């Protein structure tokens, strides 16, 4: 895509994503949102 072509398909190099059995709670999402905003607002 950019520059030279990769020598191997990336799906062979990277592991498959792990499925998460539990759904994030409202607290988890709130904490994630706070951390995301804290990281992005100063930029």
Protein backbone atom coordinates (compact mmCIF):
# COMPACT_ATOMS: atom_id res chain seq x y z
CA UNK A 1 0.00 0.00 0.00
CA UNK A 2 2.63 2.53 1.06
CA UNK A 3 6.12 2.02 -0.30
CA UNK A 4 7.20 -1.55 -0.89
CA UNK A 5 4.88 -4.50 -0.54
CA UNK A 6 5.13 -6.65 2.59
CA UNK A 7 6.97 -9.93 2.16
CA UNK A 8 4.32 -11.90 4.05
CA UNK A 9 0.59 -11.48 4.49
CA UNK A 10 -0.05 -9.75 7.80
CA UNK A 11 -2.71 -12.26 8.80
CA UNK A 12 0.06 -14.87 9.07
CA UNK A 13 2.31 -12.60 11.17
CA UNK A 14 -0.24 -11.29 13.64
CA UNK A 15 -2.18 -13.52 16.01
CA UNK A 16 -5.93 -13.79 15.70
CA UNK A 17 -7.84 -11.40 17.95
CA UNK A 18 -8.94 -12.93 21.22
CA UNK A 19 -12.68 -12.95 21.72
CA UNK A 20 -13.81 -11.33 24.94
CA UNK A 21 -16.57 -13.22 26.67
CA UNK A 22 -17.56 -10.43 29.03
CA UNK A 23 -19.15 -7.19 27.92
CA UNK A 24 -17.48 -4.03 29.30
CA UNK A 25 -19.40 -2.50 32.18
CA UNK A 26 -20.51 1.11 32.35
CA UNK A 27 -17.64 1.78 34.76
CA UNK A 28 -15.12 0.30 32.32
CA UNK A 29 -16.46 2.45 29.50
CA UNK A 30 -16.49 5.56 31.66
CA UNK A 31 -12.88 4.99 32.73
CA UNK A 32 -11.85 4.40 29.12
CA UNK A 33 -13.59 7.60 28.00
CA UNK A 34 -11.91 9.63 30.76
CA UNK A 35 -8.46 8.28 29.85
CA UNK A 36 -9.08 8.88 26.16
CA UNK A 37 -10.17 12.48 26.72
CA UNK A 38 -7.26 13.11 29.09
CA UNK A 39 -4.85 11.88 26.41
CA UNK A 40 -6.44 13.70 23.48
CA UNK A 41 -7.36 17.09 24.93
CA UNK A 42 -3.80 18.32 25.58
CA UNK A 43 -2.86 17.58 21.94
